[in-house]
Amino acid sequence: MAFRRSYRKFRSRFSGGTSKVKKQLSRAKRYASNNKKKAATMTTIVMALGAYVAYDKFIKK
């Protein structure tokens, strides 16, 4: 459940992200729903992805 909540927060923050990132996110979501035990790992990955996108969009300029 925590995964889904963080995922939604992430999506709303980066709704204008690139299609590549969106694809990775949807893949991560599908993977997590199939493997509940690995959902925590997926959350970590999505958070890392979010940090990367934030860096890419706002800081790197």
PDB file of N, CA and C in Angstrom:
ATOM      1  N   MET A   1       0.828  -1.198   0.000  1.00  0.00           N
ATOM      2  CA  MET A   1       0.000   0.000   0.000  1.00  0.00           C
ATOM      3  C   MET A   1       0.872   1.262   0.000  1.00  0.00           C
ATOM      4  N   ALA A   2       1.922   1.200   0.806  1.00  0.00           N
ATOM      5  CA  ALA A   2       2.826   2.353   0.860  1.00  0.00           C
ATOM      6  C   ALA A   2       3.451   2.595  -0.506  1.00  0.00           C
ATOM      7  N   PHE A   3       3.725   1.489  -1.196  1.00  0.00           N
ATOM      8  CA  PHE A   3       4.310   1.612  -2.533  1.00  0.00           C
ATOM      9  C   PHE A   3       3.377   2.385  -3.444  1.00  0.00           C
ATOM     10  N   ARG A   4       2.086   2.015  -3.407  1.00  0.00           N
ATOM     11  CA  ARG A   4       1.125   2.644  -4.298  1.00  0.00           C
ATOM     12  C   ARG A   4       0.996   4.130  -3.993  1.00  0.00           C
ATOM     13  N   ARG A   5       1.008   4.456  -2.699  1.00  0.00           N
ATOM     14  CA  ARG A   5       0.863   5.851  -2.299  1.00  0.00           C
ATOM     15  C   ARG A   5       2.053   6.678  -2.802  1.00  0.00           C
ATOM     16  N   SER A   6       3.254   6.152  -2.584  1.00  0.00           N
ATOM     17  CA  SER A   6       4.448   6.876  -3.031  1.00  0.00           C
ATOM     18  C   SER A   6       4.464   6.982  -4.550  1.00  0.00           C
ATOM     19  N   TYR A   7       3.980   5.934  -5.208  1.00  0.00           N
ATOM     20  CA  TYR A   7       3.933   5.923  -6.671  1.00  0.00           C
ATOM     21  C   TYR A   7       3.022   7.035  -7.167  1.00  0.00           C
ATOM     22  N   ARG A   8       1.851   7.167  -6.529  1.00  0.00           N
ATOM     23  CA  ARG A   8       0.905   8.192  -6.949  1.00  0.00           C
ATOM     24  C   ARG A   8       1.497   9.583  -6.734  1.00  0.00           C
ATOM     25  N   LYS A   9       2.135   9.769  -5.589  1.00  0.00           N
ATOM     26  CA  LYS A   9       2.763  11.051  -5.282  1.00  0.00           C
ATOM     27  C   LYS A   9       3.826  11.380  -6.326  1.00  0.00           C
ATOM     28  N   PHE A  10       4.607  10.354  -6.647  1.00  0.00           N
ATOM     29  CA  PHE A  10       5.674  10.515  -7.634  1.00  0.00           C
ATOM     30  C   PHE A  10       5.102  10.902  -8.988  1.00  0.00           C
ATOM     31  N   ARG A  11       4.041  10.201  -9.410  1.00  0.00           N
ATOM     32  CA  ARG A  11       3.444  10.463 -10.722  1.00  0.00           C
ATOM     33  C   ARG A  11       2.878  11.871 -10.798  1.00  0.00           C
ATOM     34  N   SER A  12       2.223  12.309  -9.712  1.00  0.00           N
ATOM     35  CA  SER A  12       1.622  13.640  -9.745  1.00  0.00           C
ATOM     36  C   SER A  12       2.715  14.707  -9.802  1.00  0.00           C
ATOM     37  N   ARG A  13       3.859  14.428  -9.179  1.00  0.00           N
ATOM     38  CA  ARG A  13       4.940  15.408  -9.178  1.00  0.00           C
ATOM     39  C   ARG A  13       5.615  15.497 -10.536  1.00  0.00           C
ATOM     40  N   PHE A  14       5.769  14.344 -11.200  1.00  0.00           N
ATOM     41  CA  PHE A  14       6.478  14.337 -12.476  1.00  0.00           C
ATOM     42  C   PHE A  14       5.571  13.891 -13.621  1.00  0.00           C
ATOM     43  N   SER A  15       4.344  14.439 -13.644  1.00  0.00           N
ATOM     44  CA  SER A  15       3.411  14.023 -14.693  1.00  0.00           C
ATOM     45  C   SER A  15       3.922  14.438 -16.067  1.00  0.00           C
ATOM     46  N   GLY A  16       4.773  15.469 -16.103  1.00  0.00           N
ATOM     47  CA  GLY A  16       5.305  15.927 -17.382  1.00  0.00           C
ATOM     48  C   GLY A  16       6.621  15.271 -17.742  1.00  0.00           C
ATOM     49  N   GLY A  17       6.907  14.144 -17.107  1.00  0.00           N
ATOM     50  CA  GLY A  17       8.181  13.465 -17.350  1.00  0.00           C
ATOM     51  C   GLY A  17       8.257  12.863 -18.735  1.00  0.00           C
ATOM     52  N   THR A  18       9.423  12.387 -19.093  1.00  0.00           N
ATOM     53  CA  THR A  18       9.601  11.789 -20.418  1.00  0.00           C
ATOM     54  C   THR A  18       8.889  10.450 -20.495  1.00  0.00           C
ATOM     55  N   SER A  19       8.603  10.016 -21.708  1.00  0.00           N
ATOM     56  CA  SER A  19       7.884   8.754 -21.898  1.00  0.00           C
ATOM     57  C   SER A  19       8.732   7.584 -21.418  1.00  0.00           C
ATOM     58  N   LYS A  20      10.048   7.727 -21.511  1.00  0.00           N
ATOM     59  CA  LYS A  20      10.950   6.664 -21.068  1.00  0.00           C
ATOM     60  C   LYS A  20      10.789   6.418 -19.567  1.00  0.00           C
ATOM     61  N   VAL A  21      10.756   7.500 -18.818  1.00  0.00           N
ATOM     62  CA  VAL A  21      10.596   7.388 -17.369  1.00  0.00           C
ATOM     63  C   VAL A  21       9.233   6.796 -17.044  1.00  0.00           C
ATOM     64  N   LYS A  22       8.203   7.251 -17.764  1.00  0.00           N
ATOM     65  CA  LYS A  22       6.854   6.726 -17.540  1.00  0.00           C
ATOM     66  C   LYS A  22       6.815   5.231 -17.788  1.00  0.00           C
ATOM     67  N   LYS A  23       7.494   4.794 -18.856  1.00  0.00           N
ATOM     68  CA  LYS A  23       7.539   3.368 -19.180  1.00  0.00           C
ATOM     69  C   LYS A  23       8.198   2.590 -18.052  1.00  0.00           C
ATOM     70  N   GLN A  24       9.319   3.109 -17.553  1.00  0.00           N
ATOM     71  CA  GLN A  24      10.021   2.444 -16.455  1.00  0.00           C
ATOM     72  C   GLN A  24       9.121   2.358 -15.227  1.00  0.00           C
ATOM     73  N   LEU A  25       8.377   3.428 -14.976  1.00  0.00           N
ATOM     74  CA  LEU A  25       7.506   3.458 -13.809  1.00  0.00           C
ATOM     75  C   LEU A  25       6.386   2.444 -13.928  1.00  0.00           C
ATOM     76  N   SER A  26       5.761   2.378 -15.109  1.00  0.00           N
ATOM     77  CA  SER A  26       4.662   1.430 -15.278  1.00  0.00           C
ATOM     78  C   SER A  26       5.177   0.006 -15.149  1.00  0.00           C
ATOM     79  N   ARG A  27       6.395  -0.225 -15.659  1.00  0.00           N
ATOM     80  CA  ARG A  27       6.993  -1.552 -15.543  1.00  0.00           C
ATOM     81  C   ARG A  27       7.245  -1.878 -14.070  1.00  0.00           C
ATOM     82  N   ALA A  28       7.748  -0.897 -13.332  1.00  0.00           N
ATOM     83  CA  ALA A  28       8.030  -1.094 -11.910  1.00  0.00           C
ATOM     84  C   ALA A  28       6.745  -1.386 -11.144  1.00  0.00           C
ATOM     85  N   LYS A  29       5.675  -0.663 -11.503  1.00  0.00           N
ATOM     86  CA  LYS A  29       4.395  -0.855 -10.816  1.00  0.00           C
ATOM     87  C   LYS A  29       3.853  -2.254 -11.071  1.00  0.00           C
ATOM     88  N   ARG A  30       3.888  -2.685 -12.330  1.00  0.00           N
ATOM     89  CA  ARG A  30       3.393  -4.007 -12.686  1.00  0.00           C
ATOM     90  C   ARG A  30       4.194  -5.084 -11.954  1.00  0.00           C
ATOM     91  N   TYR A  31       5.512  -4.906 -11.938  1.00  0.00           N
ATOM     92  CA  TYR A  31       6.405  -5.867 -11.300  1.00  0.00           C
ATOM     93  C   TYR A  31       6.086  -5.979  -9.809  1.00  0.00           C
ATOM     94  N   ALA A  32       5.862  -4.833  -9.173  1.00  0.00           N
ATOM     95  CA  ALA A  32       5.598  -4.819  -7.738  1.00  0.00           C
ATOM     96  C   ALA A  32       4.264  -5.482  -7.425  1.00  0.00           C
ATOM     97  N   SER A  33       3.262  -5.266  -8.265  1.00  0.00           N
ATOM     98  CA  SER A  33       1.959  -5.870  -8.001  1.00  0.00           C
ATOM     99  C   SER A  33       2.028  -7.388  -8.168  1.00  0.00           C
ATOM    100  N   ASN A  34       2.933  -7.844  -9.038  1.00  0.00           N
ATOM    101  CA  ASN A  34       3.098  -9.285  -9.213  1.00  0.00           C
ATOM    102  C   ASN A  34       3.891  -9.905  -8.071  1.00  0.00           C
ATOM    103  N   ASN A  35       4.805  -9.157  -7.507  1.00  0.00           N
ATOM    104  CA  ASN A  35       5.658  -9.676  -6.437  1.00  0.00           C
ATOM    105  C   ASN A  35       5.543  -8.790  -5.204  1.00  0.00           C
ATOM    106  N   LYS A  36       4.581  -9.103  -4.347  1.00  0.00           N
ATOM    107  CA  LYS A  36       4.323  -8.259  -3.181  1.00  0.00           C
ATOM    108  C   LYS A  36       5.545  -8.168  -2.273  1.00  0.00           C
ATOM    109  N   LYS A  37       6.294  -9.261  -2.190  1.00  0.00           N
ATOM    110  CA  LYS A  37       7.455  -9.272  -1.298  1.00  0.00           C
ATOM    111  C   LYS A  37       8.508  -8.270  -1.755  1.00  0.00           C
ATOM    112  N   LYS A  38       8.567  -8.058  -3.067  1.00  0.00           N
ATOM    113  CA  LYS A  38       9.602  -7.179  -3.601  1.00  0.00           C
ATOM    114  C   LYS A  38       9.123  -5.733  -3.726  1.00  0.00           C
ATOM    115  N   ALA A  39       7.934  -5.452  -3.214  1.00  0.00           N
ATOM    116  CA  ALA A  39       7.362  -4.111  -3.360  1.00  0.00           C
ATOM    117  C   ALA A  39       8.252  -3.053  -2.698  1.00  0.00           C
ATOM    118  N   ALA A  40       8.862  -3.414  -1.567  1.00  0.00           N
ATOM    119  CA  ALA A  40       9.724  -2.463  -0.861  1.00  0.00           C
ATOM    120  C   ALA A  40      10.927  -2.098  -1.728  1.00  0.00           C
ATOM    121  N   THR A  41      11.494  -3.102  -2.380  1.00  0.00           N
ATOM    122  CA  THR A  41      12.625  -2.863  -3.276  1.00  0.00           C
ATOM    123  C   THR A  41      12.196  -1.946  -4.411  1.00  0.00           C
ATOM    124  N   MET A  42      11.009  -2.195  -4.943  1.00  0.00           N
ATOM    125  CA  MET A  42      10.496  -1.385  -6.041  1.00  0.00           C
ATOM    126  C   MET A  42      10.318   0.062  -5.596  1.00  0.00           C
ATOM    127  N   THR A  43       9.802   0.247  -4.374  1.00  0.00           N
ATOM    128  CA  THR A  43       9.635   1.606  -3.859  1.00  0.00           C
ATOM    129  C   THR A  43      10.975   2.318  -3.846  1.00  0.00           C
ATOM    130  N   THR A  44      12.000   1.611  -3.374  1.00  0.00           N
ATOM    131  CA  THR A  44      13.347   2.190  -3.332  1.00  0.00           C
ATOM    132  C   THR A  44      13.794   2.593  -4.726  1.00  0.00           C
ATOM    133  N   ILE A  45      13.541   1.703  -5.700  1.00  0.00           N
ATOM    134  CA  ILE A  45      13.953   1.979  -7.075  1.00  0.00           C
ATOM    135  C   ILE A  45      13.208   3.197  -7.622  1.00  0.00           C
ATOM    136  N   VAL A  46      11.898   3.248  -7.353  1.00  0.00           N
ATOM    137  CA  VAL A  46      11.093   4.377  -7.842  1.00  0.00           C
ATOM    138  C   VAL A  46      11.566   5.678  -7.203  1.00  0.00           C
ATOM    139  N   MET A  47      11.905   5.622  -5.910  1.00  0.00           N
ATOM    140  CA  MET A  47      12.410   6.814  -5.231  1.00  0.00           C
ATOM    141  C   MET A  47      13.727   7.271  -5.855  1.00  0.00           C
ATOM    142  N   ALA A  48      14.589   6.297  -6.153  1.00  0.00           N
ATOM    143  CA  ALA A  48      15.862   6.627  -6.790  1.00  0.00           C
ATOM    144  C   ALA A  48      15.614   7.259  -8.156  1.00  0.00           C
ATOM    145  N   LEU A  49      14.644   6.685  -8.880  1.00  0.00           N
ATOM    146  CA  LEU A  49      14.278   7.199 -10.195  1.00  0.00           C
ATOM    147  C   LEU A  49      13.771   8.638 -10.060  1.00  0.00           C
ATOM    148  N   GLY A  50      12.945   8.860  -9.044  1.00  0.00           N
ATOM    149  CA  GLY A  50      12.402  10.190  -8.797  1.00  0.00           C
ATOM    150  C   GLY A  50      13.499  11.199  -8.507  1.00  0.00           C
ATOM    151  N   ALA A  51      14.464  10.778  -7.692  1.00  0.00           N
ATOM    152  CA  ALA A  51      15.590  11.655  -7.375  1.00  0.00           C
ATOM    153  C   ALA A  51      16.367  11.985  -8.643  1.00  0.00           C
ATOM    154  N   TYR A  52      16.546  10.982  -9.499  1.00  0.00           N
ATOM    155  CA  TYR A  52      17.276  11.188 -10.748  1.00  0.00           C
ATOM    156  C   TYR A  52      16.540  12.176 -11.652  1.00  0.00           C
ATOM    157  N   VAL A  53      15.226  11.998 -11.776  1.00  0.00           N
ATOM    158  CA  VAL A  53      14.439  12.886 -12.639  1.00  0.00           C
ATOM    159  C   VAL A  53      14.472  14.309 -12.091  1.00  0.00           C
ATOM    160  N   ALA A  54      14.350  14.431 -10.766  1.00  0.00           N
ATOM    161  CA  ALA A  54      14.400  15.754 -10.146  1.00  0.00           C
ATOM    162  C   ALA A  54      15.738  16.413 -10.442  1.00  0.00           C
ATOM    163  N   TYR A  55      16.806  15.648 -10.301  1.00  0.00           N
ATOM    164  CA  TYR A  55      18.146  16.165 -10.593  1.00  0.00           C
ATOM    165  C   TYR A  55      18.236  16.588 -12.050  1.00  0.00           C
ATOM    166  N   ASP A  56      17.746  15.717 -12.930  1.00  0.00           N
ATOM    167  CA  ASP A  56      17.814  15.957 -14.367  1.00  0.00           C
ATOM    168  C   ASP A  56      17.040  17.216 -14.747  1.00  0.00           C
ATOM    169  N   LYS A  57      15.836  17.380 -14.172  1.00  0.00           N
ATOM    170  CA  LYS A  57      14.966  18.486 -14.567  1.00  0.00           C
ATOM    171  C   LYS A  57      15.383  19.813 -13.959  1.00  0.00           C
ATOM    172  N   PHE A  58      15.709  19.821 -12.663  1.00  0.00           N
ATOM    173  CA  PHE A  58      15.855  21.092 -11.969  1.00  0.00           C
ATOM    174  C   PHE A  58      17.295  21.481 -11.656  1.00  0.00           C
ATOM    175  N   ILE A  59      18.132  20.525 -11.308  1.00  0.00           N
ATOM    176  CA  ILE A  59      19.453  20.879 -10.803  1.00  0.00           C
ATOM    177  C   ILE A  59      20.494  20.971 -11.919  1.00  0.00           C
ATOM    178  N   LYS A  60      20.406  20.053 -12.885  1.00  0.00           N
ATOM    179  CA  LYS A  60      21.476  19.920 -13.873  1.00  0.00           C
ATOM    180  C   LYS A  60      21.645  21.154 -14.768  1.00  0.00           C
ATOM    181  N   LYS A  61      20.547  21.880 -15.014  1.00  0.00           N
ATOM    182  CA  LYS A  61      20.597  23.071 -15.864  1.00  0.00           C
ATOM    183  C   LYS A  61      21.813  23.886 -15.605  1.00  0.00           C
TER     184      LYS A  61
END
